[in-house]
Amino acid sequence: MAKGHPDQADKGVAGAERLVDERTGDKCDAQTYKAAEAARRSYGNDTPER
């Protein structure tokens, strides 16, 4: 599904990353960024949305 709708998938990844960062007070920012990048690469969109 993500490969067919990369823009929607990217919004979901960005939202999840933002939510985790908010709940952890940005303590895990590097880890959430790395995980979001891995997710984006998995469906072919490696442009970070920051």
Protein backbone atom coordinates (compact mmCIF):
# COMPACT_ATOMS: atom_id res chain seq x y z
CA MET A 1 0.00 0.00 0.00
CA ALA A 2 2.76 2.46 0.90
CA LYS A 3 4.50 2.05 -2.47
CA GLY A 4 1.23 2.86 -4.23
CA HIS A 5 0.56 5.95 -2.10
CA PRO A 6 3.93 7.32 -0.96
CA ASP A 7 2.59 10.79 -0.14
CA GLN A 8 -0.04 9.42 2.23
CA ALA A 9 2.44 6.98 3.73
CA ASP A 10 4.92 9.81 4.29
CA LYS A 11 2.28 11.82 6.15
CA GLY A 12 1.70 8.83 8.42
CA VAL A 13 5.41 8.34 9.05
CA ALA A 14 5.91 12.04 9.77
CA GLY A 15 2.92 12.05 12.12
CA ALA A 16 4.16 9.01 14.01
CA GLU A 17 7.64 10.50 14.28
CA ARG A 18 6.21 13.78 15.60
CA LEU A 19 3.98 11.98 18.11
CA VAL A 20 6.85 9.93 19.54
CA ASP A 21 9.07 13.02 19.73
CA GLU A 22 6.35 14.94 21.58
CA ARG A 23 5.68 12.14 24.05
CA THR A 24 9.36 11.58 24.80
CA GLY A 25 10.24 15.26 24.95
CA ASP A 26 12.58 14.84 21.96
CA LYS A 27 14.82 12.56 24.05
CA CYS A 28 14.72 9.95 21.27
CA ASP A 29 14.83 12.33 18.32
CA ALA A 30 17.82 10.68 16.66
CA GLN A 31 16.26 7.23 16.94
CA THR A 32 12.86 8.33 15.64
CA TYR A 33 14.49 10.14 12.74
CA LYS A 34 16.49 7.04 11.85
CA ALA A 35 13.39 4.82 12.06
CA ALA A 36 11.36 7.25 9.92
CA GLU A 37 14.11 7.32 7.31
CA ALA A 38 14.18 3.51 7.21
CA ALA A 39 10.41 3.44 6.75
CA ARG A 40 10.61 6.00 3.96
CA ARG A 41 13.33 4.03 2.18
CA SER A 42 11.20 0.88 2.38
CA TYR A 43 8.58 2.41 0.09
CA GLY A 44 10.95 4.42 -2.07
CA ASN A 45 10.55 7.90 -0.61
CA ASP A 46 13.81 8.92 1.03
CA THR A 47 13.13 12.65 1.18
CA PRO A 48 12.94 13.68 4.83
CA GLU A 49 10.01 15.84 5.87
CA ARG A 50 11.33 18.02 8.68
